[in-house]
Amino acid sequence: MRQITYLQAIGEAMREEMRRDSRVFLMGEDIEANVFGTATGFKEEFGADRLRDVPLSEAGFVGAAIGSAMVGMRPIVDLTIASFLYVAMDQIVSMAAKTTYMYGGQTRVPLVLRASMFFGGGNAAQHSDRNYPMFMNVPGLKIIVPSTPYDMKGLLKTAIREDDPVISFEDGMLWGARGEVPEEEYLIPFGVAEVKRAGTDVTVVAVASRVQEALTASETLTKEGVSVEVIDPRTLV
């Protein structure tokens, strides 16, 4: 099977879903500049209407995305850095998460917010959060944290087809990681964890780049006679 990177998996998932459904479009900060390399060739293939560069106003463009989702579109918002979710907090918590309930199910919010996590790289305090625990406590949001290219593509495609708002937390430490990803279409359902390693003495639950750290530690412990089970929840909510 072919191997691709975590970043390539993101690009493939979005491209395939945009080809499949004309309601899907991509918007974000510096999206046309393709800063992180996940939107290569998108403007040429899909045009400016489906690749929207936005002003640096997270509350404004997340609000616009919520509105577009309510009237039938399926936006993917690239927030660039997970810390920028804070600037749109009221839109995410008070609107995206609650709208379906406030309107008694008469409207849905099929919205994907992509948020890259950076830490340990000297990116300063306001760019270095792993803030998924905070958003896990907001009723109405679904949360994914993929740890491999295979999971990244399969979970993101599922997220784009969801009728509820999803935040995809993407670990910057995994961007260059390569893994096997089939060329044929596949989806990974939400709410299904994966046992990365079977074990009988202790269970370690790990997310994002910590999954590989846990697997490495389990190898060391095996040599000491400790059998370690490693579980990756993949979907946190």
C-alpha atoms as a PDB file:
ATOM      1  CA  MET A   1       0.000   0.000   0.000  1.00  0.00           C
ATOM      2  CA  ARG A   2       1.212   3.535  -0.738  1.00  0.00           C
ATOM      3  CA  GLN A   3       2.463   5.795   2.049  1.00  0.00           C
ATOM      4  CA  ILE A   4       1.609   9.481   2.380  1.00  0.00           C
ATOM      5  CA  THR A   5       2.169  12.132   5.046  1.00  0.00           C
ATOM      6  CA  TYR A   6      -0.279  13.418   7.629  1.00  0.00           C
ATOM      7  CA  LEU A   7      -0.495  16.739   5.736  1.00  0.00           C
ATOM      8  CA  GLN A   8      -1.131  14.977   2.429  1.00  0.00           C
ATOM      9  CA  ALA A   9      -3.935  13.012   4.096  1.00  0.00           C
ATOM     10  CA  ILE A  10      -5.630  16.272   5.106  1.00  0.00           C
ATOM     11  CA  GLY A  11      -5.407  17.601   1.552  1.00  0.00           C
ATOM     12  CA  GLU A  12      -6.724  14.376   0.043  1.00  0.00           C
ATOM     13  CA  ALA A  13      -9.701  14.238   2.390  1.00  0.00           C
ATOM     14  CA  MET A  14     -10.753  17.792   1.596  1.00  0.00           C
ATOM     15  CA  ARG A  15     -10.216  17.438  -2.156  1.00  0.00           C
ATOM     16  CA  GLU A  16     -12.209  14.220  -2.368  1.00  0.00           C
ATOM     17  CA  GLU A  17     -15.113  15.675  -0.404  1.00  0.00           C
ATOM     18  CA  MET A  18     -15.121  18.886  -2.445  1.00  0.00           C
ATOM     19  CA  ARG A  19     -15.260  16.823  -5.622  1.00  0.00           C
ATOM     20  CA  ARG A  20     -18.052  14.677  -4.191  1.00  0.00           C
ATOM     21  CA  ASP A  21     -20.252  17.488  -2.874  1.00  0.00           C
ATOM     22  CA  SER A  22     -20.451  20.970  -4.435  1.00  0.00           C
ATOM     23  CA  ARG A  23     -21.699  22.395  -1.109  1.00  0.00           C
ATOM     24  CA  VAL A  24     -18.310  21.801   0.533  1.00  0.00           C
ATOM     25  CA  PHE A  25     -15.957  24.765   0.455  1.00  0.00           C
ATOM     26  CA  LEU A  26     -12.762  25.802   2.228  1.00  0.00           C
ATOM     27  CA  MET A  27     -12.120  29.078   4.000  1.00  0.00           C
ATOM     28  CA  GLY A  28      -9.377  30.296   6.283  1.00  0.00           C
ATOM     29  CA  GLU A  29      -6.517  32.610   7.046  1.00  0.00           C
ATOM     30  CA  ASP A  30      -3.911  32.724   4.255  1.00  0.00           C
ATOM     31  CA  ILE A  31      -5.641  29.763   2.628  1.00  0.00           C
ATOM     32  CA  GLU A  32      -4.749  30.941  -0.884  1.00  0.00           C
ATOM     33  CA  ALA A  33      -1.108  31.242   0.154  1.00  0.00           C
ATOM     34  CA  ASN A  34      -1.318  27.544   1.132  1.00  0.00           C
ATOM     35  CA  VAL A  35       0.878  28.163   4.158  1.00  0.00           C
ATOM     36  CA  PHE A  36       0.897  24.600   5.482  1.00  0.00           C
ATOM     37  CA  GLY A  37       0.542  22.842   2.127  1.00  0.00           C
ATOM     38  CA  THR A  38      -2.896  21.270   2.572  1.00  0.00           C
ATOM     39  CA  ALA A  39      -4.601  23.222  -0.252  1.00  0.00           C
ATOM     40  CA  THR A  40      -2.150  22.753  -3.125  1.00  0.00           C
ATOM     41  CA  GLY A  41      -3.944  23.206  -6.449  1.00  0.00           C
ATOM     42  CA  PHE A  42      -7.338  23.847  -4.846  1.00  0.00           C
ATOM     43  CA  LYS A  43      -7.899  27.296  -6.355  1.00  0.00           C
ATOM     44  CA  GLU A  44      -7.039  26.032  -9.835  1.00  0.00           C
ATOM     45  CA  GLU A  45      -9.418  23.086  -9.499  1.00  0.00           C
ATOM     46  CA  PHE A  46     -12.323  24.569  -7.538  1.00  0.00           C
ATOM     47  CA  GLY A  47     -12.106  28.307  -8.185  1.00  0.00           C
ATOM     48  CA  ALA A  48     -12.163  31.318  -5.890  1.00  0.00           C
ATOM     49  CA  ASP A  49     -15.788  30.752  -4.817  1.00  0.00           C
ATOM     50  CA  ARG A  50     -14.852  27.538  -3.029  1.00  0.00           C
ATOM     51  CA  LEU A  51     -11.496  28.666  -1.649  1.00  0.00           C
ATOM     52  CA  ARG A  52     -12.077  31.762   0.451  1.00  0.00           C
ATOM     53  CA  ASP A  53      -9.260  33.802   1.974  1.00  0.00           C
ATOM     54  CA  VAL A  54     -10.615  35.613   5.029  1.00  0.00           C
ATOM     55  CA  PRO A  55      -9.621  38.685   7.063  1.00  0.00           C
ATOM     56  CA  LEU A  56      -7.818  38.042  10.349  1.00  0.00           C
ATOM     57  CA  SER A  57     -11.071  38.165  12.297  1.00  0.00           C
ATOM     58  CA  GLU A  58     -11.854  34.741  13.691  1.00  0.00           C
ATOM     59  CA  ALA A  59     -15.166  35.736  15.270  1.00  0.00           C
ATOM     60  CA  GLY A  60     -16.243  37.220  11.951  1.00  0.00           C
ATOM     61  CA  PHE A  61     -15.353  34.397   9.596  1.00  0.00           C
ATOM     62  CA  VAL A  62     -16.383  31.574  11.959  1.00  0.00           C
ATOM     63  CA  GLY A  63     -19.714  33.359  12.295  1.00  0.00           C
ATOM     64  CA  ALA A  64     -19.977  33.585   8.496  1.00  0.00           C
ATOM     65  CA  ALA A  65     -19.225  29.870   8.235  1.00  0.00           C
ATOM     66  CA  ILE A  66     -21.949  29.039  10.772  1.00  0.00           C
ATOM     67  CA  GLY A  67     -24.437  31.111   8.786  1.00  0.00           C
ATOM     68  CA  SER A  68     -23.498  29.411   5.527  1.00  0.00           C
ATOM     69  CA  ALA A  69     -23.867  26.005   7.163  1.00  0.00           C
ATOM     70  CA  MET A  70     -27.330  26.905   8.436  1.00  0.00           C
ATOM     71  CA  VAL A  71     -28.520  27.679   4.906  1.00  0.00           C
ATOM     72  CA  GLY A  72     -27.185  24.504   3.298  1.00  0.00           C
ATOM     73  CA  MET A  73     -23.449  24.817   2.694  1.00  0.00           C
ATOM     74  CA  ARG A  74     -20.791  22.622   4.302  1.00  0.00           C
ATOM     75  CA  PRO A  75     -17.815  24.841   5.194  1.00  0.00           C
ATOM     76  CA  ILE A  76     -14.373  23.671   6.259  1.00  0.00           C
ATOM     77  CA  VAL A  77     -12.666  26.432   8.248  1.00  0.00           C
ATOM     78  CA  ASP A  78      -8.884  26.326   8.561  1.00  0.00           C
ATOM     79  CA  LEU A  79      -8.148  28.283  11.739  1.00  0.00           C
ATOM     80  CA  THR A  80      -4.388  27.760  11.217  1.00  0.00           C
ATOM     81  CA  ILE A  81      -3.528  27.491  14.914  1.00  0.00           C
ATOM     82  CA  ALA A  82      -5.630  25.952  17.707  1.00  0.00           C
ATOM     83  CA  SER A  83      -5.138  28.971  19.973  1.00  0.00           C
ATOM     84  CA  PHE A  84      -7.115  31.069  17.482  1.00  0.00           C
ATOM     85  CA  LEU A  85     -10.258  29.173  18.510  1.00  0.00           C
ATOM     86  CA  TYR A  86     -10.346  31.437  21.569  1.00  0.00           C
ATOM     87  CA  VAL A  87     -10.934  34.537  19.459  1.00  0.00           C
ATOM     88  CA  ALA A  88     -14.073  32.908  18.035  1.00  0.00           C
ATOM     89  CA  MET A  89     -15.183  31.424  21.349  1.00  0.00           C
ATOM     90  CA  ASP A  90     -18.649  32.993  21.432  1.00  0.00           C
ATOM     91  CA  GLN A  91     -19.422  31.908  17.879  1.00  0.00           C
ATOM     92  CA  ILE A  92     -18.255  28.345  18.549  1.00  0.00           C
ATOM     93  CA  VAL A  93     -19.825  27.868  21.990  1.00  0.00           C
ATOM     94  CA  SER A  94     -22.952  30.021  21.790  1.00  0.00           C
ATOM     95  CA  MET A  95     -23.832  29.537  18.123  1.00  0.00           C
ATOM     96  CA  ALA A  96     -22.241  26.504  16.422  1.00  0.00           C
ATOM     97  CA  ALA A  97     -22.724  24.169  19.362  1.00  0.00           C
ATOM     98  CA  LYS A  98     -26.217  25.341  20.371  1.00  0.00           C
ATOM     99  CA  THR A  99     -28.027  26.330  17.173  1.00  0.00           C
ATOM    100  CA  THR A 100     -29.545  22.936  16.379  1.00  0.00           C
ATOM    101  CA  TYR A 101     -30.974  22.778  19.902  1.00  0.00           C
ATOM    102  CA  MET A 102     -32.154  26.395  19.966  1.00  0.00           C
ATOM    103  CA  TYR A 103     -34.103  25.866  16.745  1.00  0.00           C
ATOM    104  CA  GLY A 104     -35.526  22.529  17.789  1.00  0.00           C
ATOM    105  CA  GLY A 105     -33.740  20.658  15.029  1.00  0.00           C
ATOM    106  CA  GLN A 106     -35.135  22.846  12.232  1.00  0.00           C
ATOM    107  CA  THR A 107     -31.615  23.715  11.132  1.00  0.00           C
ATOM    108  CA  ARG A 108     -28.260  21.964  11.409  1.00  0.00           C
ATOM    109  CA  VAL A 109     -24.665  23.239  11.444  1.00  0.00           C
ATOM    110  CA  PRO A 110     -22.505  20.968   9.243  1.00  0.00           C
ATOM    111  CA  LEU A 111     -19.271  22.791  10.032  1.00  0.00           C
ATOM    112  CA  VAL A 112     -15.671  21.557  10.333  1.00  0.00           C
ATOM    113  CA  LEU A 113     -13.157  23.678  12.238  1.00  0.00           C
ATOM    114  CA  ARG A 114      -9.560  22.587  11.609  1.00  0.00           C
ATOM    115  CA  ALA A 115      -7.119  23.578  14.356  1.00  0.00           C
ATOM    116  CA  SER A 116      -3.395  22.808  14.281  1.00  0.00           C
ATOM    117  CA  MET A 117      -1.660  22.200  17.595  1.00  0.00           C
ATOM    118  CA  PHE A 118       1.917  23.357  18.126  1.00  0.00           C
ATOM    119  CA  PHE A 119       3.959  22.711  21.248  1.00  0.00           C
ATOM    120  CA  GLY A 120       7.578  22.213  22.143  1.00  0.00           C
ATOM    121  CA  GLY A 121       8.746  24.235  19.156  1.00  0.00           C
ATOM    122  CA  GLY A 122       9.250  27.671  20.641  1.00  0.00           C
ATOM    123  CA  ASN A 123       6.116  29.100  19.033  1.00  0.00           C
ATOM    124  CA  ALA A 124       5.272  31.287  22.048  1.00  0.00           C
ATOM    125  CA  ALA A 125       2.438  31.000  24.535  1.00  0.00           C
ATOM    126  CA  GLN A 126      -0.367  32.200  22.265  1.00  0.00           C
ATOM    127  CA  HIS A 127       0.470  29.642  19.580  1.00  0.00           C
ATOM    128  CA  SER A 128       1.211  26.565  21.672  1.00  0.00           C
ATOM    129  CA  ASP A 129      -2.023  25.239  23.125  1.00  0.00           C
ATOM    130  CA  ARG A 130      -3.434  21.723  23.106  1.00  0.00           C
ATOM    131  CA  ASN A 131      -6.883  23.001  24.018  1.00  0.00           C
ATOM    132  CA  TYR A 132      -9.148  20.102  23.117  1.00  0.00           C
ATOM    133  CA  PRO A 133     -10.037  19.398  26.817  1.00  0.00           C
ATOM    134  CA  MET A 134     -11.747  22.785  27.031  1.00  0.00           C
ATOM    135  CA  PHE A 135     -13.922  22.157  23.984  1.00  0.00           C
ATOM    136  CA  MET A 136     -14.708  18.600  25.074  1.00  0.00           C
ATOM    137  CA  ASN A 137     -16.877  20.175  27.775  1.00  0.00           C
ATOM    138  CA  VAL A 138     -19.069  22.094  25.308  1.00  0.00           C
ATOM    139  CA  PRO A 139     -22.264  20.149  24.555  1.00  0.00           C
ATOM    140  CA  GLY A 140     -23.008  20.058  20.840  1.00  0.00           C
ATOM    141  CA  LEU A 141     -19.449  19.821  19.518  1.00  0.00           C
ATOM    142  CA  LYS A 142     -17.781  16.675  18.214  1.00  0.00           C
ATOM    143  CA  ILE A 143     -14.006  16.400  18.640  1.00  0.00           C
ATOM    144  CA  ILE A 144     -11.468  14.356  16.666  1.00  0.00           C
ATOM    145  CA  VAL A 145      -7.706  14.073  17.251  1.00  0.00           C
ATOM    146  CA  PRO A 146      -6.179  11.808  14.568  1.00  0.00           C
ATOM    147  CA  SER A 147      -2.770  10.275  15.264  1.00  0.00           C
ATOM    148  CA  THR A 148      -1.882   8.761  11.859  1.00  0.00           C
ATOM    149  CA  PRO A 149      -2.315   9.713   8.189  1.00  0.00           C
ATOM    150  CA  TYR A 150      -4.834   6.860   7.826  1.00  0.00           C
ATOM    151  CA  ASP A 151      -6.938   8.140  10.713  1.00  0.00           C
ATOM    152  CA  MET A 152      -6.533  11.751   9.620  1.00  0.00           C
ATOM    153  CA  LYS A 153      -8.029  11.129   6.203  1.00  0.00           C
ATOM    154  CA  GLY A 154     -10.783   8.772   7.308  1.00  0.00           C
ATOM    155  CA  LEU A 155     -11.921  10.883  10.258  1.00  0.00           C
ATOM    156  CA  LEU A 156     -11.784  14.183   8.354  1.00  0.00           C
ATOM    157  CA  LYS A 157     -13.933  12.773   5.550  1.00  0.00           C
ATOM    158  CA  THR A 158     -16.453  11.619   8.145  1.00  0.00           C
ATOM    159  CA  ALA A 159     -16.346  15.053   9.797  1.00  0.00           C
ATOM    160  CA  ILE A 160     -17.094  16.831   6.519  1.00  0.00           C
ATOM    161  CA  ARG A 161     -20.181  14.640   6.019  1.00  0.00           C
ATOM    162  CA  GLU A 162     -21.423  15.214   9.585  1.00  0.00           C
ATOM    163  CA  ASP A 163     -24.500  17.377  10.116  1.00  0.00           C
ATOM    164  CA  ASP A 164     -23.105  18.633  13.423  1.00  0.00           C
ATOM    165  CA  PRO A 165     -20.107  20.900  14.112  1.00  0.00           C
ATOM    166  CA  VAL A 166     -16.776  19.086  14.420  1.00  0.00           C
ATOM    167  CA  ILE A 167     -13.419  20.403  15.599  1.00  0.00           C
ATOM    168  CA  SER A 168     -10.455  18.558  14.106  1.00  0.00           C
ATOM    169  CA  PHE A 169      -7.378  18.997  16.305  1.00  0.00           C
ATOM    170  CA  GLU A 170      -4.309  18.231  14.188  1.00  0.00           C
ATOM    171  CA  ASP A 171      -0.937  17.686  15.857  1.00  0.00           C
ATOM    172  CA  GLY A 172       1.820  19.688  14.145  1.00  0.00           C
ATOM    173  CA  MET A 173       4.394  17.197  15.390  1.00  0.00           C
ATOM    174  CA  LEU A 174       2.786  14.595  13.113  1.00  0.00           C
ATOM    175  CA  TRP A 175       2.714  16.607   9.894  1.00  0.00           C
ATOM    176  CA  GLY A 176       5.660  14.848   8.336  1.00  0.00           C
ATOM    177  CA  ALA A 177       4.743  11.404   9.656  1.00  0.00           C
ATOM    178  CA  ARG A 178       4.149   8.879   6.879  1.00  0.00           C
ATOM    179  CA  GLY A 179       1.733   5.992   6.963  1.00  0.00           C
ATOM    180  CA  GLU A 180      -0.222   3.597   4.793  1.00  0.00           C
ATOM    181  CA  VAL A 181      -3.371   5.109   3.289  1.00  0.00           C
ATOM    182  CA  PRO A 182      -5.412   3.249   0.656  1.00  0.00           C
ATOM    183  CA  GLU A 183      -6.266   4.996  -2.589  1.00  0.00           C
ATOM    184  CA  GLU A 184      -9.835   3.709  -2.535  1.00  0.00           C
ATOM    185  CA  GLU A 185     -12.382   5.644  -0.494  1.00  0.00           C
ATOM    186  CA  TYR A 186     -12.914   4.814   3.167  1.00  0.00           C
ATOM    187  CA  LEU A 187     -14.472   6.470   6.209  1.00  0.00           C
ATOM    188  CA  ILE A 188     -13.704   6.011   9.906  1.00  0.00           C
ATOM    189  CA  PRO A 189     -16.824   6.224  12.106  1.00  0.00           C
ATOM    190  CA  PHE A 190     -16.836   8.523  15.112  1.00  0.00           C
ATOM    191  CA  GLY A 191     -16.835   6.959  18.552  1.00  0.00           C
ATOM    192  CA  VAL A 192     -14.668   3.960  17.640  1.00  0.00           C
ATOM    193  CA  ALA A 193     -11.295   3.702  19.394  1.00  0.00           C
ATOM    194  CA  GLU A 194      -8.399   1.583  18.140  1.00  0.00           C
ATOM    195  CA  VAL A 195      -6.291  -0.781  20.215  1.00  0.00           C
ATOM    196  CA  LYS A 196      -2.817  -0.015  18.922  1.00  0.00           C
ATOM    197  CA  ARG A 197      -1.186  -2.695  21.037  1.00  0.00           C
ATOM    198  CA  ALA A 198      -2.656  -5.550  23.066  1.00  0.00           C
ATOM    199  CA  GLY A 199      -1.534  -5.986  26.661  1.00  0.00           C
ATOM    200  CA  THR A 200      -2.631  -7.517  29.949  1.00  0.00           C
ATOM    201  CA  ASP A 201      -0.885  -5.630  32.782  1.00  0.00           C
ATOM    202  CA  VAL A 202      -1.681  -1.959  32.247  1.00  0.00           C
ATOM    203  CA  THR A 203      -3.662   0.193  29.791  1.00  0.00           C
ATOM    204  CA  VAL A 204      -2.311   3.457  28.415  1.00  0.00           C
ATOM    205  CA  VAL A 205      -4.750   5.760  26.620  1.00  0.00           C
ATOM    206  CA  ALA A 206      -2.934   8.243  24.379  1.00  0.00           C
ATOM    207  CA  VAL A 207      -3.910  10.853  21.797  1.00  0.00           C
ATOM    208  CA  ALA A 208      -2.231  12.567  18.840  1.00  0.00           C
ATOM    209  CA  SER A 209       1.587  12.352  18.783  1.00  0.00           C
ATOM    210  CA  ARG A 210       1.597  10.782  22.261  1.00  0.00           C
ATOM    211  CA  VAL A 211       0.302   7.538  20.741  1.00  0.00           C
ATOM    212  CA  GLN A 212       3.690   6.802  19.199  1.00  0.00           C
ATOM    213  CA  GLU A 213       5.393   7.821  22.450  1.00  0.00           C
ATOM    214  CA  ALA A 214       3.212   5.312  24.295  1.00  0.00           C
ATOM    215  CA  LEU A 215       4.013   2.575  21.777  1.00  0.00           C
ATOM    216  CA  THR A 216       7.732   3.254  22.136  1.00  0.00           C
ATOM    217  CA  ALA A 217       7.448   3.105  25.928  1.00  0.00           C
ATOM    218  CA  SER A 218       5.468  -0.126  25.718  1.00  0.00           C
ATOM    219  CA  GLU A 219       8.328  -1.728  23.762  1.00  0.00           C
ATOM    220  CA  THR A 220      10.733  -0.813  26.544  1.00  0.00           C
ATOM    221  CA  LEU A 221       8.398  -2.136  29.235  1.00  0.00           C
ATOM    222  CA  THR A 222       7.901  -5.401  27.345  1.00  0.00           C
ATOM    223  CA  LYS A 223      11.623  -6.077  27.776  1.00  0.00           C
ATOM    224  CA  GLU A 224      11.092  -5.613  31.525  1.00  0.00           C
ATOM    225  CA  GLY A 225       8.240  -8.108  31.588  1.00  0.00           C
ATOM    226  CA  VAL A 226       5.354  -5.629  31.629  1.00  0.00           C
ATOM    227  CA  SER A 227       2.570  -6.168  29.093  1.00  0.00           C
ATOM    228  CA  VAL A 228       1.139  -2.776  28.019  1.00  0.00           C
ATOM    229  CA  GLU A 229      -2.110  -2.183  26.171  1.00  0.00           C
ATOM    230  CA  VAL A 230      -2.152   1.073  24.141  1.00  0.00           C
ATOM    231  CA  ILE A 231      -5.480   2.583  23.095  1.00  0.00           C
ATOM    232  CA  ASP A 232      -6.023   5.556  20.769  1.00  0.00           C
ATOM    233  CA  PRO A 233      -9.571   6.940  21.220  1.00  0.00           C
ATOM    234  CA  ARG A 234      -9.328   8.890  17.902  1.00  0.00           C
ATOM    235  CA  THR A 235     -12.668  10.595  18.652  1.00  0.00           C
ATOM    236  CA  LEU A 236     -12.706  12.451  21.963  1.00  0.00           C
ATOM    237  CA  VAL A 237     -16.385  13.431  21.748  1.00  0.00           C
END
